Amino acid sequence: MRKPTALILSALFLIPALAFSSTPTGHQTGNSKNGLSASDVTASTRLVVRRVESDPDRVYLFDAEAEETHVILISEKTRLSARRKKDFEGRRKLEFGDLAMGQTLKITYRLDDGRITSIQVVDVAS
């Protein structure tokens, strides 16, 4: 069994690169022809919540493909949402307290600096 490694990411600070080992699931390309800048190019990955801690608001996520644990610091500016309203009593916009162990999150981030642009709960814990 590999020892988990931690990668600290923050939606407030610029990160040189997002080092998820798994292949990004979503990818948007841009160039000057279609009007997108390098900061508009994003990718996403899906990770499972292993642990949620407050003070500071921190989420430990497991990447099954790479067998690694990543740590994300959640700020007030981080956009949290639900894929389905029915999972959160009719709400799409979520707060840190809505995150729980076992949920699958879709993390969307910018390729140029690794900054997280959004976090979506795509599957709630059973």
N, C-alpha and C. Protein backbone atom coordinates (compact mmCIF):
# COMPACT_ATOMS: atom_id res chain seq x y z
N MET A 1 0.84 -1.18 0.00
CA MET A 1 0.00 0.00 0.00
C MET A 1 0.88 1.24 0.00
N ARG A 2 0.60 2.17 -0.87
CA ARG A 2 1.39 3.39 -0.95
C ARG A 2 0.98 4.35 0.14
N LYS A 3 1.95 5.06 0.64
CA LYS A 3 1.69 6.08 1.65
C LYS A 3 1.03 7.28 0.98
N PRO A 4 -0.12 7.80 1.51
CA PRO A 4 -0.78 8.94 0.88
C PRO A 4 0.11 10.18 0.90
N THR A 5 0.03 10.94 -0.16
CA THR A 5 0.74 12.21 -0.22
C THR A 5 -0.28 13.32 -0.19
N ALA A 6 0.11 14.45 0.26
CA ALA A 6 -0.82 15.58 0.36
C ALA A 6 -0.41 16.68 -0.61
N LEU A 7 -1.37 17.27 -1.23
CA LEU A 7 -1.16 18.41 -2.11
C LEU A 7 -2.13 19.48 -1.63
N ILE A 8 -1.60 20.61 -1.23
CA ILE A 8 -2.46 21.67 -0.71
C ILE A 8 -2.78 22.63 -1.84
N LEU A 9 -4.08 22.83 -2.06
CA LEU A 9 -4.56 23.73 -3.09
C LEU A 9 -5.43 24.78 -2.43
N SER A 10 -5.50 25.91 -3.00
CA SER A 10 -6.34 26.96 -2.45
C SER A 10 -6.97 27.75 -3.57
N ALA A 11 -8.21 28.11 -3.38
CA ALA A 11 -8.90 28.91 -4.38
C ALA A 11 -8.50 30.38 -4.26
N LEU A 12 -7.79 30.76 -3.21
CA LEU A 12 -7.37 32.14 -3.03
C LEU A 12 -6.00 32.43 -3.63
N PHE A 13 -5.14 31.43 -3.65
CA PHE A 13 -3.76 31.64 -4.06
C PHE A 13 -3.49 30.99 -5.39
N LEU A 14 -2.59 31.56 -6.14
CA LEU A 14 -2.20 30.97 -7.41
C LEU A 14 -1.27 29.81 -7.14
N ILE A 15 -1.52 28.70 -7.76
CA ILE A 15 -0.72 27.50 -7.60
C ILE A 15 0.00 27.26 -8.93
N PRO A 16 1.29 26.98 -8.92
CA PRO A 16 2.02 26.80 -10.17
C PRO A 16 1.41 25.75 -11.09
N ALA A 17 0.97 24.64 -10.55
CA ALA A 17 0.35 23.61 -11.39
C ALA A 17 -0.43 22.67 -10.50
N LEU A 18 -1.52 22.17 -11.00
CA LEU A 18 -2.31 21.20 -10.26
C LEU A 18 -1.72 19.84 -10.55
N ALA A 19 -1.30 19.13 -9.53
CA ALA A 19 -0.53 17.90 -9.74
C ALA A 19 -1.37 16.65 -9.56
N PHE A 20 -2.64 16.67 -9.94
CA PHE A 20 -3.42 15.45 -9.89
C PHE A 20 -2.82 14.49 -10.90
N SER A 21 -2.62 13.26 -10.49
CA SER A 21 -2.01 12.29 -11.37
C SER A 21 -3.01 11.71 -12.36
N SER A 22 -4.29 11.80 -12.03
CA SER A 22 -5.29 11.25 -12.93
C SER A 22 -5.45 12.14 -14.15
N THR A 23 -5.96 11.56 -15.20
CA THR A 23 -6.18 12.30 -16.43
C THR A 23 -7.37 13.22 -16.26
N PRO A 24 -7.25 14.49 -16.62
CA PRO A 24 -8.38 15.40 -16.52
C PRO A 24 -9.56 14.89 -17.35
N THR A 25 -10.78 15.00 -16.80
CA THR A 25 -11.96 14.49 -17.49
C THR A 25 -12.55 15.52 -18.43
N GLY A 26 -12.47 16.79 -18.11
CA GLY A 26 -13.02 17.82 -18.98
C GLY A 26 -11.90 18.71 -19.43
N HIS A 27 -11.99 19.21 -20.64
CA HIS A 27 -10.90 20.05 -21.12
C HIS A 27 -11.46 21.04 -22.12
N GLN A 28 -11.14 22.27 -21.96
CA GLN A 28 -11.60 23.34 -22.83
C GLN A 28 -10.36 23.97 -23.44
N THR A 29 -10.30 24.06 -24.74
CA THR A 29 -9.13 24.65 -25.36
C THR A 29 -9.42 26.06 -25.80
N GLY A 30 -8.39 26.86 -25.87
CA GLY A 30 -8.59 28.25 -26.27
C GLY A 30 -7.43 28.75 -27.10
N ASN A 31 -7.70 29.74 -27.89
CA ASN A 31 -6.67 30.42 -28.65
C ASN A 31 -7.18 31.80 -29.00
N SER A 32 -6.34 32.60 -29.61
CA SER A 32 -6.74 33.97 -29.91
C SER A 32 -7.88 34.01 -30.93
N LYS A 33 -8.01 32.98 -31.74
CA LYS A 33 -9.06 32.95 -32.76
C LYS A 33 -10.45 32.91 -32.14
N ASN A 34 -10.62 32.09 -31.09
CA ASN A 34 -11.94 32.00 -30.48
C ASN A 34 -12.09 32.91 -29.26
N GLY A 35 -11.09 33.73 -28.98
CA GLY A 35 -11.20 34.72 -27.92
C GLY A 35 -10.90 34.24 -26.52
N LEU A 36 -10.45 33.02 -26.34
CA LEU A 36 -10.13 32.51 -25.01
C LEU A 36 -8.66 32.75 -24.70
N SER A 37 -8.39 33.18 -23.48
CA SER A 37 -7.00 33.36 -23.06
C SER A 37 -6.53 32.09 -22.35
N ALA A 38 -5.25 32.04 -22.02
CA ALA A 38 -4.69 30.86 -21.34
C ALA A 38 -5.37 30.62 -20.00
N SER A 39 -5.81 31.67 -19.33
CA SER A 39 -6.46 31.50 -18.03
C SER A 39 -7.88 30.98 -18.15
N ASP A 40 -8.43 30.94 -19.37
CA ASP A 40 -9.77 30.40 -19.59
C ASP A 40 -9.76 28.90 -19.84
N VAL A 41 -8.60 28.31 -20.06
CA VAL A 41 -8.50 26.90 -20.35
C VAL A 41 -8.56 26.12 -19.04
N THR A 42 -9.54 25.21 -18.95
CA THR A 42 -9.74 24.47 -17.71
C THR A 42 -9.75 22.97 -17.95
N ALA A 43 -9.61 22.24 -16.86
CA ALA A 43 -9.74 20.79 -16.85
C ALA A 43 -10.45 20.42 -15.57
N SER A 44 -10.92 19.20 -15.48
CA SER A 44 -11.58 18.77 -14.25
C SER A 44 -11.23 17.32 -13.95
N THR A 45 -11.41 16.97 -12.70
CA THR A 45 -11.16 15.61 -12.26
C THR A 45 -12.17 15.28 -11.17
N ARG A 46 -12.44 14.01 -10.97
CA ARG A 46 -13.38 13.57 -9.93
C ARG A 46 -12.62 12.85 -8.83
N LEU A 47 -12.88 13.27 -7.60
CA LEU A 47 -12.22 12.71 -6.43
C LEU A 47 -13.25 12.44 -5.35
N VAL A 48 -12.95 11.51 -4.46
CA VAL A 48 -13.87 11.13 -3.39
C VAL A 48 -13.42 11.75 -2.08
N VAL A 49 -14.37 12.32 -1.33
CA VAL A 49 -14.07 12.95 -0.04
C VAL A 49 -13.74 11.86 0.98
N ARG A 50 -12.57 11.96 1.58
CA ARG A 50 -12.14 11.04 2.62
C ARG A 50 -12.37 11.60 4.01
N ARG A 51 -12.16 12.93 4.14
CA ARG A 51 -12.29 13.57 5.46
C ARG A 51 -12.55 15.05 5.26
N VAL A 52 -13.34 15.63 6.15
CA VAL A 52 -13.64 17.06 6.12
C VAL A 52 -13.24 17.64 7.48
N GLU A 53 -12.47 18.71 7.47
CA GLU A 53 -12.03 19.37 8.72
C GLU A 53 -12.33 20.85 8.62
N SER A 54 -12.69 21.44 9.76
CA SER A 54 -12.86 22.89 9.78
C SER A 54 -11.71 23.51 10.55
N ASP A 55 -11.53 24.81 10.37
CA ASP A 55 -10.51 25.60 11.05
C ASP A 55 -9.09 25.19 10.69
N PRO A 56 -8.60 25.42 9.50
CA PRO A 56 -9.29 26.01 8.36
C PRO A 56 -10.14 24.97 7.64
N ASP A 57 -11.05 25.43 6.80
CA ASP A 57 -11.93 24.53 6.05
C ASP A 57 -11.10 23.76 5.04
N ARG A 58 -10.96 22.47 5.31
CA ARG A 58 -10.04 21.63 4.53
C ARG A 58 -10.74 20.32 4.19
N VAL A 59 -10.54 19.84 2.96
CA VAL A 59 -11.13 18.59 2.52
C VAL A 59 -10.02 17.68 2.02
N TYR A 60 -10.02 16.43 2.50
CA TYR A 60 -9.08 15.42 2.04
C TYR A 60 -9.78 14.59 0.98
N LEU A 61 -9.19 14.53 -0.21
CA LEU A 61 -9.80 13.85 -1.34
C LEU A 61 -8.92 12.71 -1.80
N PHE A 62 -9.55 11.60 -2.18
CA PHE A 62 -8.80 10.43 -2.63
C PHE A 62 -8.93 10.27 -4.13
N ASP A 63 -7.80 10.11 -4.77
CA ASP A 63 -7.72 9.87 -6.21
C ASP A 63 -7.43 8.37 -6.38
N ALA A 64 -8.46 7.59 -6.71
CA ALA A 64 -8.32 6.14 -6.81
C ALA A 64 -7.38 5.72 -7.93
N GLU A 65 -7.39 6.46 -9.02
CA GLU A 65 -6.54 6.12 -10.16
C GLU A 65 -5.06 6.23 -9.80
N ALA A 66 -4.70 7.29 -9.10
CA ALA A 66 -3.30 7.50 -8.72
C ALA A 66 -2.98 6.97 -7.33
N GLU A 67 -4.01 6.52 -6.61
CA GLU A 67 -3.86 6.04 -5.23
C GLU A 67 -3.17 7.09 -4.36
N GLU A 68 -3.66 8.34 -4.46
CA GLU A 68 -3.09 9.44 -3.69
C GLU A 68 -4.20 10.22 -2.99
N THR A 69 -3.83 10.84 -1.89
CA THR A 69 -4.74 11.73 -1.18
C THR A 69 -4.29 13.16 -1.42
N HIS A 70 -5.25 14.04 -1.74
CA HIS A 70 -4.98 15.45 -1.97
C HIS A 70 -5.74 16.25 -0.93
N VAL A 71 -5.20 17.39 -0.56
CA VAL A 71 -5.84 18.26 0.43
C VAL A 71 -6.19 19.57 -0.27
N ILE A 72 -7.44 20.00 -0.11
CA ILE A 72 -7.88 21.26 -0.69
C ILE A 72 -8.36 22.16 0.44
N LEU A 73 -7.83 23.38 0.46
CA LEU A 73 -8.31 24.39 1.41
C LEU A 73 -9.45 25.13 0.75
N ILE A 74 -10.59 25.19 1.42
CA ILE A 74 -11.78 25.83 0.88
C ILE A 74 -11.88 27.24 1.45
N SER A 75 -11.96 28.23 0.59
CA SER A 75 -12.11 29.61 1.04
C SER A 75 -13.55 30.05 0.85
N GLU A 76 -13.84 31.24 1.32
CA GLU A 76 -15.18 31.80 1.16
C GLU A 76 -15.49 32.05 -0.31
N LYS A 77 -14.46 32.22 -1.13
CA LYS A 77 -14.64 32.50 -2.55
C LYS A 77 -14.82 31.24 -3.40
N THR A 78 -14.57 30.08 -2.83
CA THR A 78 -14.70 28.84 -3.57
C THR A 78 -16.17 28.58 -3.88
N ARG A 79 -16.49 28.36 -5.16
CA ARG A 79 -17.87 28.08 -5.55
C ARG A 79 -18.16 26.60 -5.36
N LEU A 80 -19.10 26.31 -4.45
CA LEU A 80 -19.53 24.94 -4.20
C LEU A 80 -20.95 24.79 -4.72
N SER A 81 -21.21 23.72 -5.47
CA SER A 81 -22.56 23.52 -5.98
C SER A 81 -22.90 22.03 -5.99
N ALA A 82 -24.19 21.76 -6.15
CA ALA A 82 -24.68 20.38 -6.24
C ALA A 82 -25.10 20.12 -7.68
N ARG A 83 -24.85 18.92 -8.14
CA ARG A 83 -25.29 18.56 -9.49
C ARG A 83 -26.81 18.48 -9.53
N ARG A 84 -27.40 17.91 -8.45
CA ARG A 84 -28.85 17.76 -8.39
C ARG A 84 -29.40 18.44 -7.15
N LYS A 85 -30.45 19.22 -7.31
CA LYS A 85 -31.09 19.90 -6.18
C LYS A 85 -31.64 18.90 -5.16
N LYS A 86 -32.16 17.78 -5.64
CA LYS A 86 -32.81 16.82 -4.75
C LYS A 86 -31.85 16.25 -3.70
N ASP A 87 -30.55 16.30 -3.97
CA ASP A 87 -29.57 15.78 -3.01
C ASP A 87 -29.38 16.69 -1.80
N PHE A 88 -29.77 17.96 -1.93
CA PHE A 88 -29.54 18.93 -0.86
C PHE A 88 -30.80 19.75 -0.59
N GLU A 89 -31.93 19.07 -0.47
CA GLU A 89 -33.20 19.68 -0.09
C GLU A 89 -33.56 20.88 -0.98
N GLY A 90 -33.36 20.73 -2.29
CA GLY A 90 -33.75 21.77 -3.24
C GLY A 90 -32.72 22.87 -3.46
N ARG A 91 -31.53 22.72 -2.87
CA ARG A 91 -30.49 23.75 -3.04
C ARG A 91 -29.44 23.29 -4.03
N ARG A 92 -28.97 24.21 -4.84
CA ARG A 92 -27.85 23.95 -5.73
C ARG A 92 -26.59 24.59 -5.18
N LYS A 93 -26.72 25.79 -4.62
CA LYS A 93 -25.57 26.48 -4.04
C LYS A 93 -25.31 25.88 -2.66
N LEU A 94 -24.08 25.43 -2.44
CA LEU A 94 -23.74 24.74 -1.20
C LEU A 94 -22.76 25.54 -0.37
N GLU A 95 -22.63 25.11 0.87
CA GLU A 95 -21.67 25.69 1.80
C GLU A 95 -20.70 24.59 2.24
N PHE A 96 -19.64 24.98 2.90
CA PHE A 96 -18.63 24.01 3.35
C PHE A 96 -19.26 22.91 4.19
N GLY A 97 -20.20 23.25 5.05
CA GLY A 97 -20.84 22.28 5.93
C GLY A 97 -21.62 21.20 5.20
N ASP A 98 -21.90 21.39 3.92
CA ASP A 98 -22.62 20.39 3.13
C ASP A 98 -21.71 19.27 2.64
N LEU A 99 -20.41 19.47 2.71
CA LEU A 99 -19.47 18.43 2.27
C LEU A 99 -19.37 17.34 3.32
N ALA A 100 -19.34 16.08 2.85
CA ALA A 100 -19.30 14.94 3.78
C ALA A 100 -18.48 13.80 3.18
N MET A 101 -18.00 12.94 4.06
CA MET A 101 -17.22 11.79 3.66
C MET A 101 -18.02 10.91 2.69
N GLY A 102 -17.35 10.43 1.65
CA GLY A 102 -17.97 9.53 0.69
C GLY A 102 -18.53 10.22 -0.55
N GLN A 103 -18.68 11.54 -0.51
CA GLN A 103 -19.19 12.25 -1.68
C GLN A 103 -18.13 12.26 -2.79
N THR A 104 -18.58 12.25 -4.03
CA THR A 104 -17.69 12.40 -5.17
C THR A 104 -17.79 13.84 -5.64
N LEU A 105 -16.64 14.50 -5.76
CA LEU A 105 -16.59 15.90 -6.17
C LEU A 105 -15.94 16.02 -7.54
N LYS A 106 -16.47 16.92 -8.34
CA LYS A 106 -15.86 17.29 -9.61
C LYS A 106 -15.12 18.60 -9.36
N ILE A 107 -13.81 18.55 -9.44
CA ILE A 107 -12.97 19.72 -9.20
C ILE A 107 -12.57 20.28 -10.57
N THR A 108 -12.94 21.53 -10.85
CA THR A 108 -12.57 22.18 -12.09
C THR A 108 -11.49 23.20 -11.76
N TYR A 109 -10.42 23.19 -12.54
CA TYR A 109 -9.28 24.06 -12.26
C TYR A 109 -8.69 24.59 -13.56
N ARG A 110 -8.00 25.73 -13.43
CA ARG A 110 -7.34 26.34 -14.58
C ARG A 110 -6.02 25.62 -14.85
N LEU A 111 -5.73 25.34 -16.09
CA LEU A 111 -4.50 24.63 -16.44
C LEU A 111 -3.26 25.49 -16.30
N ASP A 112 -3.39 26.81 -16.49
CA ASP A 112 -2.20 27.65 -16.47
C ASP A 112 -1.61 27.81 -15.07
N ASP A 113 -2.44 27.86 -14.04
CA ASP A 113 -1.90 28.06 -12.69
C ASP A 113 -2.47 27.11 -11.64
N GLY A 114 -3.38 26.21 -12.01
CA GLY A 114 -3.91 25.24 -11.07
C GLY A 114 -4.99 25.78 -10.14
N ARG A 115 -5.39 27.03 -10.31
CA ARG A 115 -6.41 27.62 -9.43
C ARG A 115 -7.75 26.91 -9.62
N ILE A 116 -8.37 26.53 -8.52
CA ILE A 116 -9.67 25.88 -8.56
C ILE A 116 -10.73 26.92 -8.91
N THR A 117 -11.55 26.60 -9.91
CA THR A 117 -12.60 27.53 -10.31
C THR A 117 -13.96 27.12 -9.76
N SER A 118 -14.17 25.83 -9.55
CA SER A 118 -15.43 25.39 -8.96
C SER A 118 -15.31 23.96 -8.43
N ILE A 119 -16.19 23.66 -7.48
CA ILE A 119 -16.29 22.32 -6.91
C ILE A 119 -17.76 21.94 -6.95
N GLN A 120 -18.06 20.80 -7.55
CA GLN A 120 -19.45 20.35 -7.66
C GLN A 120 -19.58 18.96 -7.03
N VAL A 121 -20.59 18.79 -6.19
CA VAL A 121 -20.88 17.46 -5.62
C VAL A 121 -21.67 16.72 -6.69
N VAL A 122 -21.08 15.66 -7.24
CA VAL A 122 -21.73 14.91 -8.31
C VAL A 122 -22.38 13.63 -7.81
N ASP A 123 -21.97 13.15 -6.65
CA ASP A 123 -22.57 11.96 -6.07
C ASP A 123 -22.48 12.07 -4.55
N VAL A 124 -23.63 11.97 -3.89
CA VAL A 124 -23.63 12.09 -2.43
C VAL A 124 -23.32 10.75 -1.79
N ALA A 125 -22.86 10.80 -0.56
CA ALA A 125 -22.52 9.58 0.17
C ALA A 125 -23.76 8.72 0.36
N SER A 126 -23.59 7.43 0.26
CA SER A 126 -24.72 6.51 0.44
C SER A 126 -25.05 6.31 1.89
